[in-house]
């Protein structure tokens, strides 16, 4: 199953601290990070993350240092476990977790 997550800031934590607006997940893998939904995914399930900020989960636990924005690098093909928070951890303190996704599915 392929899911397109939109309307969020996906914080990559790569060396350039790229922030993307669209993430596509197939099964448990991230297959696309970018700024627009590719045409080949337009008919897939879409989830609007309502403007949240997204960071990866590591072994089902959130680990980051918001003062220094340390986190594992989110790369294409990594397991699709992530959280949605209400603030950009690169620039703001005290984020609140809005949603948790494990294996590409929203945890209730």
Protein backbone atom coordinates (compact mmCIF):
# COMPACT_ATOMS: atom_id res chain seq x y z
CA UNK A 1 0.00 0.00 0.00
CA UNK A 2 1.28 3.45 -0.90
CA UNK A 3 0.40 6.54 1.14
CA UNK A 4 1.14 10.16 0.29
CA UNK A 5 1.62 12.41 3.33
CA UNK A 6 1.09 16.09 2.53
CA UNK A 7 0.74 19.54 4.10
CA UNK A 8 3.64 19.15 6.54
CA UNK A 9 7.29 20.06 6.97
CA UNK A 10 9.31 16.84 6.77
CA UNK A 11 12.58 17.61 8.57
CA UNK A 12 15.27 15.45 6.97
CA UNK A 13 18.12 16.15 9.42
CA UNK A 14 20.62 15.63 6.62
CA UNK A 15 23.72 17.83 6.45
CA UNK A 16 21.75 20.59 4.71
CA UNK A 17 18.73 20.30 7.08
CA UNK A 18 16.43 20.06 4.05
CA UNK A 19 12.73 20.40 4.79
CA UNK A 20 10.31 18.80 2.34
CA UNK A 21 6.54 19.18 1.98
CA UNK A 22 5.57 15.73 0.64
CA UNK A 23 6.56 12.22 1.74
CA UNK A 24 5.45 9.03 -0.02
CA UNK A 25 5.55 5.75 1.89
CA UNK A 26 5.16 2.31 0.30
CA UNK A 27 4.75 -0.40 2.91
CA UNK A 28 7.44 0.40 5.46
CA UNK A 29 9.75 2.38 3.20
CA UNK A 30 9.96 6.02 2.28
CA UNK A 31 10.05 6.08 -1.51
CA UNK A 32 9.91 9.85 -2.11
CA UNK A 33 10.64 13.10 -0.28
CA UNK A 34 10.03 16.31 -2.17
CA UNK A 35 7.96 19.41 -2.70
CA UNK A 36 5.14 18.15 -4.96
CA UNK A 37 3.29 14.86 -5.30
CA UNK A 38 4.64 13.02 -8.36
CA UNK A 39 1.98 12.19 -10.96
CA UNK A 40 2.50 8.45 -10.45
CA UNK A 41 1.25 8.77 -6.83
CA UNK A 42 -1.75 11.09 -7.39
CA UNK A 43 -4.30 8.23 -7.18
CA UNK A 44 -2.83 6.73 -3.99
CA UNK A 45 -4.21 7.27 -0.48
CA UNK A 46 -3.39 10.76 0.78
CA UNK A 47 -3.08 11.91 4.40
CA UNK A 48 -3.16 15.64 5.22
CA UNK A 49 -0.93 16.26 8.26
CA UNK A 50 -2.48 19.73 8.74
CA UNK A 51 0.70 21.78 8.78
CA UNK A 52 2.61 19.69 11.32
CA UNK A 53 6.36 19.14 11.45
CA UNK A 54 7.56 15.57 10.93
CA UNK A 55 10.68 13.94 12.37
CA UNK A 56 11.75 10.27 12.18
CA UNK A 57 11.38 7.77 15.01
CA UNK A 58 14.30 5.58 16.01
CA UNK A 59 13.42 2.13 17.37
CA UNK A 60 9.89 3.36 18.24
CA UNK A 61 11.35 6.16 20.40
CA UNK A 62 11.71 9.83 19.72
CA UNK A 63 15.26 11.06 20.15
CA UNK A 64 16.23 14.58 19.36
CA UNK A 65 17.92 17.54 20.92
CA UNK A 66 15.90 20.55 19.86
CA UNK A 67 18.71 22.92 20.77
CA UNK A 68 21.03 21.28 18.26
CA UNK A 69 18.49 19.43 16.04
CA UNK A 70 20.28 16.09 16.31
CA UNK A 71 18.55 13.08 14.87
CA UNK A 72 19.27 10.16 12.62
CA UNK A 73 19.28 11.04 8.94
CA UNK A 74 15.97 10.41 7.21
CA UNK A 75 16.83 8.82 3.87
CA UNK A 76 14.88 7.28 1.02
CA UNK A 77 14.17 3.64 1.84
CA UNK A 78 14.26 3.99 5.63
CA UNK A 79 11.50 2.47 7.72
CA UNK A 80 8.53 4.80 7.78
CA UNK A 81 8.17 5.45 11.50
CA UNK A 82 7.74 9.10 12.38
CA UNK A 83 5.98 11.61 14.59
CA UNK A 84 4.13 14.79 13.73
CA UNK A 85 4.86 17.70 16.05
CA UNK A 86 3.46 21.22 16.23
CA UNK A 87 6.71 23.19 15.92
CA UNK A 88 9.90 23.21 13.89
CA UNK A 89 12.55 21.72 16.21
CA UNK A 90 15.26 23.49 14.23
CA UNK A 91 13.99 26.90 15.35
CA UNK A 92 11.52 26.46 18.24
CA UNK A 93 11.61 24.86 21.68
CA UNK A 94 9.09 22.63 23.48
CA UNK A 95 7.31 20.86 20.62
CA UNK A 96 4.21 18.78 21.35
CA UNK A 97 3.59 15.43 19.66
CA UNK A 98 0.39 15.51 17.58
CA UNK A 99 0.46 12.07 15.92
CA UNK A 100 2.63 8.94 15.84
CA UNK A 101 2.99 6.69 12.78
CA UNK A 102 4.43 3.19 13.21
CA UNK A 103 5.12 1.08 10.12
CA UNK A 104 3.43 3.75 8.02
CA UNK A 105 0.14 3.69 9.97
CA UNK A 106 -1.25 6.14 12.47
CA UNK A 107 -0.98 4.76 16.01
CA UNK A 108 -4.16 5.23 17.99
